[in-house]
Amino acid sequence: METPDHMLSLATISPKALQDVLWAYYLRLIDLRKDRRFKYVLIFKNEGDAAGASLSIPIPVDCAAIVPKL
């Protein structure tokens, strides 16, 4: 979670809080890069019914894709 206050967003949190969120995303990406199976990593935020969210609060998600060798 980016903030314990679910009414806030990346656009409305403090600059320090935004820096902390981006740093956490960066560290997660660095960790996922250590696994050579992953070719692509994507961080996105699933928010709202239109995005297919199953929870009433926005949840950041990271996905890593293993690309098989052909």
N, C-alpha and C. Protein backbone atom coordinates (compact mmCIF):
# COMPACT_ATOMS: atom_id res chain seq x y z
N MET A 1 0.83 -1.18 0.00
CA MET A 1 0.00 0.00 0.00
C MET A 1 0.88 1.24 0.00
N GLU A 2 0.46 2.22 -0.72
CA GLU A 2 1.23 3.45 -0.79
C GLU A 2 1.03 4.32 0.44
N THR A 3 -0.14 4.24 1.02
CA THR A 3 -0.46 5.05 2.19
C THR A 3 -1.55 4.34 2.99
N PRO A 4 -1.55 4.48 4.31
CA PRO A 4 -2.63 3.85 5.08
C PRO A 4 -3.98 4.56 4.90
N ASP A 5 -3.95 5.78 4.37
CA ASP A 5 -5.19 6.53 4.11
C ASP A 5 -5.65 6.21 2.69
N HIS A 6 -6.68 5.39 2.55
CA HIS A 6 -7.14 4.94 1.24
C HIS A 6 -7.81 6.02 0.41
N MET A 7 -8.01 7.18 1.01
CA MET A 7 -8.60 8.29 0.26
C MET A 7 -7.53 9.10 -0.48
N LEU A 8 -6.27 8.86 -0.16
CA LEU A 8 -5.19 9.58 -0.83
C LEU A 8 -4.73 8.81 -2.06
N SER A 9 -4.07 9.50 -2.95
CA SER A 9 -3.51 8.89 -4.16
C SER A 9 -2.09 9.37 -4.34
N LEU A 10 -1.40 8.85 -5.34
CA LEU A 10 -0.05 9.32 -5.61
C LEU A 10 -0.02 10.81 -5.91
N ALA A 11 -1.11 11.32 -6.46
CA ALA A 11 -1.18 12.74 -6.79
C ALA A 11 -1.40 13.62 -5.57
N THR A 12 -1.86 13.03 -4.47
CA THR A 12 -2.21 13.86 -3.31
C THR A 12 -1.35 13.59 -2.07
N ILE A 13 -0.45 12.61 -2.12
CA ILE A 13 0.41 12.37 -0.97
C ILE A 13 1.55 13.39 -0.96
N SER A 14 2.23 13.49 0.14
CA SER A 14 3.34 14.44 0.27
C SER A 14 4.49 14.04 -0.65
N PRO A 15 5.32 15.01 -1.01
CA PRO A 15 6.49 14.68 -1.84
C PRO A 15 7.38 13.61 -1.19
N LYS A 16 7.56 13.65 0.12
CA LYS A 16 8.37 12.64 0.81
C LYS A 16 7.73 11.27 0.71
N ALA A 17 6.41 11.20 0.89
CA ALA A 17 5.69 9.92 0.78
C ALA A 17 5.80 9.38 -0.64
N LEU A 18 5.68 10.24 -1.65
CA LEU A 18 5.83 9.82 -3.04
C LEU A 18 7.24 9.29 -3.29
N GLN A 19 8.23 9.97 -2.75
CA GLN A 19 9.61 9.50 -2.87
C GLN A 19 9.76 8.11 -2.25
N ASP A 20 9.15 7.89 -1.10
CA ASP A 20 9.22 6.58 -0.44
C ASP A 20 8.57 5.49 -1.28
N VAL A 21 7.43 5.81 -1.89
CA VAL A 21 6.73 4.84 -2.75
C VAL A 21 7.59 4.48 -3.96
N LEU A 22 8.11 5.49 -4.62
CA LEU A 22 8.93 5.23 -5.80
C LEU A 22 10.20 4.47 -5.43
N TRP A 23 10.77 4.76 -4.28
CA TRP A 23 11.96 4.03 -3.83
C TRP A 23 11.60 2.56 -3.59
N ALA A 24 10.45 2.30 -2.97
CA ALA A 24 10.01 0.92 -2.74
C ALA A 24 9.80 0.18 -4.06
N TYR A 25 9.19 0.85 -5.05
CA TYR A 25 9.02 0.24 -6.37
C TYR A 25 10.39 -0.08 -6.98
N TYR A 26 11.31 0.85 -6.89
CA TYR A 26 12.65 0.67 -7.43
C TYR A 26 13.34 -0.54 -6.79
N LEU A 27 13.28 -0.63 -5.47
CA LEU A 27 13.92 -1.75 -4.78
C LEU A 27 13.28 -3.08 -5.17
N ARG A 28 11.98 -3.08 -5.37
CA ARG A 28 11.29 -4.30 -5.82
C ARG A 28 11.76 -4.71 -7.21
N LEU A 29 11.88 -3.73 -8.11
CA LEU A 29 12.36 -4.02 -9.46
C LEU A 29 13.79 -4.56 -9.44
N ILE A 30 14.64 -3.96 -8.62
CA ILE A 30 16.02 -4.43 -8.51
C ILE A 30 16.04 -5.88 -8.03
N ASP A 31 15.19 -6.20 -7.05
CA ASP A 31 15.13 -7.56 -6.54
C ASP A 31 14.65 -8.54 -7.62
N LEU A 32 13.63 -8.16 -8.37
CA LEU A 32 13.12 -9.04 -9.42
C LEU A 32 14.13 -9.22 -10.55
N ARG A 33 14.97 -8.23 -10.81
CA ARG A 33 15.98 -8.35 -11.86
C ARG A 33 17.02 -9.42 -11.54
N LYS A 34 17.16 -9.77 -10.29
CA LYS A 34 18.12 -10.80 -9.90
C LYS A 34 17.71 -12.18 -10.41
N ASP A 35 16.43 -12.37 -10.66
CA ASP A 35 15.93 -13.64 -11.17
C ASP A 35 16.01 -13.60 -12.69
N ARG A 36 16.94 -14.31 -13.26
CA ARG A 36 17.20 -14.28 -14.70
C ARG A 36 16.04 -14.84 -15.53
N ARG A 37 15.09 -15.51 -14.89
CA ARG A 37 13.95 -16.03 -15.65
C ARG A 37 13.05 -14.91 -16.14
N PHE A 38 13.06 -13.78 -15.44
CA PHE A 38 12.15 -12.69 -15.77
C PHE A 38 12.77 -11.78 -16.83
N LYS A 39 12.06 -11.63 -17.93
CA LYS A 39 12.53 -10.73 -18.98
C LYS A 39 11.88 -9.35 -18.85
N TYR A 40 10.64 -9.31 -18.43
CA TYR A 40 9.91 -8.05 -18.30
C TYR A 40 9.27 -7.97 -16.92
N VAL A 41 9.25 -6.77 -16.36
CA VAL A 41 8.58 -6.52 -15.10
C VAL A 41 7.74 -5.26 -15.27
N LEU A 42 6.53 -5.31 -14.77
CA LEU A 42 5.61 -4.18 -14.88
C LEU A 42 5.00 -3.93 -13.51
N ILE A 43 5.01 -2.68 -13.09
CA ILE A 43 4.29 -2.29 -11.87
C ILE A 43 3.12 -1.44 -12.31
N PHE A 44 1.94 -1.79 -11.85
CA PHE A 44 0.75 -1.02 -12.19
C PHE A 44 -0.17 -0.96 -10.99
N LYS A 45 -1.17 -0.12 -11.08
CA LYS A 45 -2.12 0.03 -9.99
C LYS A 45 -3.51 -0.33 -10.51
N ASN A 46 -4.08 -1.35 -9.90
CA ASN A 46 -5.41 -1.83 -10.27
C ASN A 46 -6.42 -1.09 -9.40
N GLU A 47 -7.15 -0.16 -9.99
CA GLU A 47 -8.05 0.70 -9.21
C GLU A 47 -9.41 0.82 -9.89
N GLY A 48 -10.45 0.41 -9.19
CA GLY A 48 -11.80 0.59 -9.68
C GLY A 48 -12.34 -0.58 -10.48
N ASP A 49 -13.65 -0.61 -10.60
CA ASP A 49 -14.33 -1.68 -11.32
C ASP A 49 -13.89 -1.76 -12.79
N ALA A 50 -13.71 -0.61 -13.42
CA ALA A 50 -13.34 -0.60 -14.84
C ALA A 50 -11.99 -1.26 -15.07
N ALA A 51 -11.13 -1.23 -14.06
CA ALA A 51 -9.81 -1.85 -14.19
C ALA A 51 -9.83 -3.31 -13.77
N GLY A 52 -10.98 -3.78 -13.34
CA GLY A 52 -11.10 -5.17 -12.93
C GLY A 52 -10.71 -5.42 -11.49
N ALA A 53 -10.66 -4.36 -10.70
CA ALA A 53 -10.29 -4.51 -9.29
C ALA A 53 -11.35 -5.32 -8.55
N SER A 54 -10.88 -6.26 -7.75
CA SER A 54 -11.81 -7.08 -6.96
C SER A 54 -11.96 -6.55 -5.54
N LEU A 55 -11.09 -5.60 -5.16
CA LEU A 55 -11.16 -5.00 -3.83
C LEU A 55 -11.61 -3.55 -3.96
N SER A 56 -12.16 -3.01 -2.89
CA SER A 56 -12.66 -1.64 -2.94
C SER A 56 -11.56 -0.61 -2.77
N ILE A 57 -10.35 -1.04 -2.46
CA ILE A 57 -9.23 -0.11 -2.31
C ILE A 57 -8.22 -0.36 -3.42
N PRO A 58 -7.52 0.70 -3.88
CA PRO A 58 -6.53 0.51 -4.93
C PRO A 58 -5.34 -0.30 -4.43
N ILE A 59 -4.85 -1.20 -5.24
CA ILE A 59 -3.74 -2.07 -4.87
C ILE A 59 -2.66 -1.98 -5.96
N PRO A 60 -1.42 -1.58 -5.59
CA PRO A 60 -0.34 -1.65 -6.57
C PRO A 60 0.05 -3.12 -6.78
N VAL A 61 0.38 -3.46 -8.00
CA VAL A 61 0.69 -4.85 -8.34
C VAL A 61 1.99 -4.86 -9.15
N ASP A 62 2.81 -5.88 -8.92
CA ASP A 62 3.94 -6.07 -9.82
C ASP A 62 3.79 -7.42 -10.50
N CYS A 63 4.14 -7.45 -11.77
CA CYS A 63 4.08 -8.67 -12.56
C CYS A 63 5.43 -8.87 -13.22
N ALA A 64 5.88 -10.09 -13.21
CA ALA A 64 7.13 -10.44 -13.90
C ALA A 64 6.82 -11.56 -14.88
N ALA A 65 7.30 -11.41 -16.09
CA ALA A 65 7.01 -12.38 -17.14
C ALA A 65 8.23 -13.21 -17.48
N ILE A 66 8.02 -14.52 -17.49
CA ILE A 66 9.04 -15.44 -17.95
C ILE A 66 8.80 -15.67 -19.44
N VAL A 67 9.80 -15.39 -20.25
CA VAL A 67 9.67 -15.56 -21.69
C VAL A 67 10.44 -16.81 -22.07
N PRO A 68 9.72 -17.84 -22.55
CA PRO A 68 10.40 -19.08 -22.91
C PRO A 68 11.28 -18.89 -24.15
N LYS A 69 12.36 -19.64 -24.18
CA LYS A 69 13.24 -19.62 -25.37
C LYS A 69 12.62 -20.53 -26.41
N LEU A 70 12.56 -20.05 -27.62
CA LEU A 70 11.99 -20.83 -28.73
C LEU A 70 13.08 -21.46 -29.56
